[in-house]
Protein backbone atom coordinates (compact mmCIF):
# COMPACT_ATOMS: atom_id res chain seq x y z
CA MET A 1 100.64 63.78 61.04
CA LEU A 2 102.33 60.39 60.67
CA GLU A 3 99.90 58.72 63.07
CA ALA A 4 96.88 60.39 61.40
CA GLY A 5 97.86 59.38 57.86
CA THR A 6 96.14 62.28 56.10
CA PHE A 7 96.11 66.07 56.44
CA LEU A 8 92.36 65.92 57.11
CA ALA A 9 92.71 63.37 59.93
CA ALA A 10 95.56 65.38 61.42
CA ALA A 11 93.42 68.52 61.32
CA ARG A 12 90.58 66.75 63.12
CA ALA A 13 92.96 65.43 65.78
CA LEU A 14 94.39 68.92 66.32
CA GLY A 15 91.02 70.62 66.26
CA CYS A 16 91.80 72.91 63.34
CA SER A 17 91.10 73.13 59.62
CA GLN A 18 92.90 71.09 56.96
CA SER A 19 94.10 74.30 55.33
CA THR A 20 95.81 75.31 58.62
CA VAL A 21 97.69 72.02 58.76
CA THR A 22 98.69 72.33 55.10
CA LEU A 23 99.89 75.90 55.66
CA HIS A 24 102.05 74.93 58.63
CA ILE A 25 103.61 72.03 56.73
CA GLN A 26 104.39 74.30 53.80
CA GLU A 27 105.95 76.91 56.13
CA LEU A 28 108.07 74.24 57.83
CA GLU A 29 109.30 72.86 54.50
CA ARG A 30 110.10 76.38 53.33
CA ASP A 31 112.03 77.16 56.53
CA LEU A 32 114.02 73.91 56.30
CA GLY A 33 114.48 74.10 52.53
CA LEU A 34 113.47 70.45 52.17
CA PRO A 35 110.30 68.59 51.14
CA LEU A 36 109.11 66.51 54.11
CA PHE A 37 105.92 64.86 52.77
CA GLU A 38 104.69 63.50 49.47
CA ARG A 39 101.12 62.60 48.60
CA GLU A 40 99.90 59.14 47.64
CA GLY A 41 96.28 59.77 46.75
CA ARG A 42 94.64 61.10 49.90
CA ARG A 43 97.36 59.77 52.13
CA VAL A 44 100.80 61.26 52.74
CA ARG A 45 104.14 59.68 53.51
CA LEU A 46 107.53 60.99 54.51
CA THR A 47 110.14 61.80 51.92
CA ALA A 48 113.71 60.59 52.39
CA ALA A 49 114.52 63.93 54.05
CA GLY A 50 111.46 63.60 56.28
CA GLU A 51 112.54 60.12 57.36
CA SER A 52 116.01 61.43 58.19
CA LEU A 53 114.53 64.19 60.37
CA ARG A 54 111.85 62.02 61.96
CA ALA A 55 113.78 61.09 65.12
CA VAL A 56 114.87 64.71 65.67
CA SER A 57 111.30 65.97 65.23
CA GLN A 58 110.00 63.45 67.74
CA ARG A 59 112.58 64.61 70.30
CA VAL A 60 111.51 68.20 69.66
CA ARG A 61 107.87 67.22 70.12
CA ASP A 62 108.65 65.40 73.39
CA SER A 63 110.61 68.43 74.62
CA VAL A 64 107.74 70.78 73.82
CA LEU A 65 105.28 68.50 75.62
CA ALA A 66 107.61 68.31 78.63
CA LEU A 67 107.91 72.10 78.60
CA ARG A 68 104.13 72.44 78.60
CA ARG A 69 103.76 69.95 81.46
CA ALA A 70 106.38 71.82 83.49
CA ALA A 71 104.66 75.14 82.77
CA ASP A 72 101.32 73.64 83.83
CA GLU A 73 102.86 72.43 87.11
CA LEU A 74 104.37 75.84 87.77
CA ARG A 75 101.11 77.59 87.00
CA ASP A 76 99.10 75.19 89.16
CA GLY A 77 101.58 75.36 92.06
CA GLY A 78 102.75 71.75 91.92
CA ALA A 79 106.40 72.41 91.05
CA GLY A 80 109.06 75.12 91.10
CA GLU A 81 110.36 76.85 94.23
CA VAL A 82 108.91 79.12 96.90
CA ALA A 83 111.36 81.15 98.97
CA LEU A 84 110.07 82.68 102.18
CA GLY A 85 111.47 84.09 105.40
CA ALA A 86 110.54 83.96 109.07
CA VAL A 87 111.73 85.27 112.41
CA GLU A 88 112.19 83.01 115.40
CA PRO A 89 110.40 81.50 117.23
CA ALA A 90 107.65 81.75 114.59
CA ALA A 91 109.88 79.90 112.12
CA SER A 92 110.07 76.86 114.39
CA LEU A 93 106.68 76.98 116.04
CA GLN A 94 104.25 78.26 113.40
CA VAL A 95 105.94 78.06 110.00
CA THR A 96 107.58 74.63 109.81
CA PRO A 97 104.37 72.65 110.62
CA VAL A 98 102.60 74.44 107.75
CA LEU A 99 105.55 73.76 105.43
CA ALA A 100 105.40 70.07 106.32
CA ASP A 101 101.72 69.80 105.34
CA PHE A 102 102.28 71.92 102.24
CA SER A 103 105.17 69.71 101.07
CA ARG A 104 103.16 66.53 101.46
CA LEU A 105 100.53 67.91 99.09
CA ARG A 106 103.15 69.16 96.60
CA PRO A 107 106.09 66.73 96.66
CA ARG A 108 107.68 68.25 93.52
CA LEU A 109 107.69 71.77 94.96
CA ARG A 110 110.94 73.05 96.51
CA LEU A 111 110.68 75.24 99.60
CA ARG A 112 113.42 77.53 100.95
CA LEU A 113 113.07 79.08 104.40
CA GLU A 114 115.34 81.98 105.38
CA VAL A 115 115.47 82.60 109.15
CA SER A 116 116.62 86.05 110.21
CA GLY A 117 115.46 89.34 111.70
CA THR A 118 112.64 91.53 110.44
CA ARG A 119 114.83 94.16 108.79
CA THR A 120 116.89 91.64 106.84
CA LEU A 121 113.86 89.64 105.74
CA SER A 122 111.91 92.77 104.79
CA ARG A 123 114.72 93.95 102.54
CA GLN A 124 114.87 90.55 100.86
CA VAL A 125 111.11 90.64 100.24
CA ALA A 126 111.35 94.17 98.83
CA ASP A 127 114.25 93.10 96.57
CA GLY A 128 112.32 90.09 95.27
CA GLN A 129 114.62 87.50 96.87
CA LEU A 130 111.75 86.20 99.01
CA ALA A 131 108.08 85.89 98.09
CA PHE A 132 107.03 86.99 101.59
CA ALA A 133 108.15 86.84 105.21
CA VAL A 134 106.70 86.07 108.63
CA CYS A 135 107.94 88.95 110.76
CA SER A 136 107.03 92.06 112.73
CA PRO A 137 105.88 95.20 110.85
CA PRO A 138 108.56 96.05 108.23
CA PRO A 139 110.10 99.52 107.84
CA ALA A 140 107.59 101.82 106.16
CA SER A 141 110.26 103.01 103.73
CA LEU A 142 110.22 99.60 101.97
CA GLY A 143 106.61 100.03 100.90
CA LEU A 144 105.58 96.47 101.78
CA ALA A 145 102.07 95.33 102.65
CA PHE A 146 101.77 93.86 106.15
CA HIS A 147 99.02 91.47 107.30
CA PRO A 148 98.97 91.12 111.14
CA CYS A 149 98.33 87.57 112.35
CA PHE A 150 99.00 87.35 116.10
CA ARG A 151 100.70 89.04 119.03
CA GLN A 152 103.93 87.38 120.17
CA ARG A 153 104.21 87.47 123.95
CA MET A 154 107.60 88.00 125.56
CA ALA A 155 108.74 87.05 129.04
CA LEU A 156 111.83 87.16 131.21
CA LEU A 157 114.05 84.10 130.88
CA LEU A 158 116.38 83.52 133.81
CA PRO A 159 118.09 80.73 135.73
CA ARG A 160 115.99 79.22 138.53
CA ARG A 161 118.76 80.10 140.97
CA HIS A 162 118.69 83.80 140.01
CA ALA A 163 117.57 86.23 142.73
CA LEU A 164 114.75 87.62 140.56
CA ALA A 165 113.34 84.11 140.13
CA ARG A 166 112.54 84.09 143.85
CA GLN A 167 110.59 87.35 143.75
CA ARG A 168 106.82 87.19 143.80
CA ARG A 169 106.50 90.04 141.30
CA ILE A 170 109.12 91.32 138.91
CA ARG A 171 108.86 94.92 137.76
CA ALA A 172 110.65 96.73 134.96
CA ARG A 173 112.77 98.66 137.49
CA ASP A 174 114.16 95.36 138.81
CA LEU A 175 116.04 94.96 135.53
CA ALA A 176 117.94 98.26 135.88
CA SER A 177 120.74 96.62 137.87
CA ALA A 178 120.62 93.20 136.18
CA ARG A 179 122.78 91.82 133.36
CA VAL A 180 120.21 91.88 130.58
CA LEU A 181 121.29 90.22 127.33
CA LEU A 182 119.98 91.66 124.09
CA THR A 183 119.96 90.68 120.45
CA GLU A 184 121.70 92.84 117.85
CA PRO A 185 120.64 96.49 117.24
CA GLY A 186 117.77 96.64 114.78
CA CYS A 187 116.25 93.33 115.93
CA ALA A 188 112.48 93.75 116.36
CA TYR A 189 112.50 91.90 119.70
CA ARG A 190 115.25 94.15 121.05
CA GLU A 191 113.41 97.26 119.90
CA ALA A 192 110.17 96.03 121.53
CA THR A 193 112.04 95.27 124.76
CA GLU A 194 113.79 98.62 124.97
CA ALA A 195 110.62 100.54 124.05
CA ALA A 196 108.57 98.75 126.72
CA LEU A 197 111.18 99.36 129.41
CA ARG A 198 111.48 103.03 128.46
CA THR A 199 107.78 103.48 129.29
CA ARG A 200 108.83 102.72 132.89
CA GLY A 201 111.90 104.91 132.77
CA VAL A 202 114.28 101.95 132.63
CA GLN A 203 117.30 101.75 130.36
CA VAL A 204 119.29 98.54 130.66
CA GLU A 205 123.02 98.22 130.11
CA CYS A 206 123.67 95.30 127.80
CA PRO A 207 126.91 93.40 128.61
CA LEU A 208 126.56 91.10 125.60
CA GLU A 209 124.83 91.46 122.23
CA ILE A 210 123.92 88.23 120.44
CA GLY A 211 122.53 87.98 116.93
CA SER A 212 120.25 84.99 117.57
CA THR A 213 117.39 84.45 120.00
CA GLY A 214 118.45 80.80 120.26
CA ALA A 215 121.97 81.85 121.27
CA VAL A 216 120.50 84.28 123.79
CA ARG A 217 118.67 81.39 125.47
CA ALA A 218 121.90 79.38 125.54
CA ALA A 219 123.74 82.34 127.09
CA VAL A 220 121.11 82.60 129.83
CA ARG A 221 121.47 78.87 130.50
CA ASP A 222 125.23 79.30 130.80
CA GLY A 223 124.88 82.09 133.37
CA LEU A 224 125.88 85.08 131.23
CA GLY A 225 122.78 87.05 132.19
CA ILE A 226 119.00 87.20 131.83
CA ALA A 227 116.92 88.12 128.78
CA LEU A 228 113.46 89.08 127.60
CA VAL A 229 112.62 86.55 124.90
CA PRO A 230 109.63 85.54 122.77
CA VAL A 231 107.69 82.85 124.57
CA GLY A 232 107.57 79.37 123.10
CA PRO A 233 106.59 75.98 124.54
CA SER A 234 110.17 74.70 124.33
CA LEU A 235 111.36 77.25 126.88
CA ARG A 236 109.07 75.96 129.61
CA THR A 237 110.75 72.55 129.74
CA GLU A 238 114.39 73.62 129.47
CA PRO A 239 116.23 72.40 132.60
CA GLY A 240 117.47 75.03 135.02
CA LEU A 241 115.55 77.92 133.47
CA CYS A 242 112.24 79.59 134.20
CA LEU A 243 110.00 82.15 132.55
CA ARG A 244 108.54 85.09 134.44
CA GLU A 245 106.38 87.92 133.18
CA LEU A 246 106.97 91.54 134.14
CA SER A 247 104.03 92.71 136.22
CA ASP A 248 103.98 96.34 135.05
CA VAL A 249 104.91 96.13 131.35
CA ASP A 250 102.98 94.76 128.38
CA LEU A 251 105.62 92.97 126.35
CA THR A 252 104.09 91.85 123.06
CA LEU A 253 105.11 92.14 119.43
CA VAL A 254 102.78 91.96 116.42
CA ILE A 255 103.79 89.19 114.02
CA GLY A 256 102.34 88.87 110.54
CA LEU A 257 103.11 88.45 106.85
CA ALA A 258 105.04 91.03 104.84
CA ARG A 259 104.79 90.97 101.03
CA ARG A 260 105.15 93.18 97.99
CA GLY A 261 102.05 94.84 96.58
CA GLN A 262 101.95 93.05 93.23
CA PRO A 263 100.35 89.62 92.68
CA PHE A 264 102.40 86.54 93.51
CA ALA A 265 104.45 85.04 90.69
CA THR A 266 102.98 81.53 91.07
CA ARG A 267 99.95 79.82 92.55
CA ALA A 268 102.24 77.99 94.97
CA GLU A 269 103.38 81.29 96.51
CA SER A 270 99.79 82.45 96.85
CA ALA A 271 98.62 79.13 98.31
CA LEU A 272 101.44 79.00 100.88
CA PHE A 273 100.81 82.62 101.89
CA ASP A 274 97.13 81.81 102.45
CA ALA A 275 97.96 78.63 104.38
CA LEU A 276 100.30 80.47 106.75
CA SER A 277 97.88 83.35 107.18
CA THR A 278 95.10 80.94 108.14
CA ALA A 279 97.30 78.88 110.48
CA MET A 280 98.75 81.87 112.34
CA SER A 281 95.52 83.83 112.61
CA GLY A 282 93.49 80.93 113.96
């Protein structure tokens, strides 16, 4: 209004009628209980009360504009936060490269990655703590949608000096008398391992349960036993260890994206979901 000089010019600048501007001014003066403008011919100027409130009104205007800009960034996916989850090794091998590219395009967007097992991540998605998760199929009782992306291959990790490492072929029955390390009960990789071995009538005795696939690899390196682990490039170069596949068991686990059924809260969540889906399905 002050920059425009007249109610008519202000109306044109705002894209509304002069009567609308006049009505809003009258409502504001009535709410405040003070006259803010006085007419001088066609032009208007601030009253003493209007001058006193001018600085406050400008701060309010700036705050409203900042609020609108922030809302626009949230709506367009350029700001805010996206919380997601992932199991290992997908978190390290597939997810973090996508997050790096995504962050470069949206430097004001905060990303939070929770790394855990499928059951924990699925519950967090169902509870709304995470937008989605990269994991194996979630429990059906949670009612989540699951989009398969790839099959995670698993292989036997063992020290190069281990007797099984010298065998030409390793069968499921060869593990019956070995010290096989497993992750915690409920871990999708443990469940896939035990289910695959049961198809060959093998039930392993686990001398040590470890809640992290990374710690399992360290335990194998330190000679505590052998383990069936998800295959990743980093394992092939680790000194003193080797990877061998079981010749009579198909050890794979479906990995995909678990999400709630309703639309994503922000465009950033939707865009990151699509980026991960494309990257992991390619």
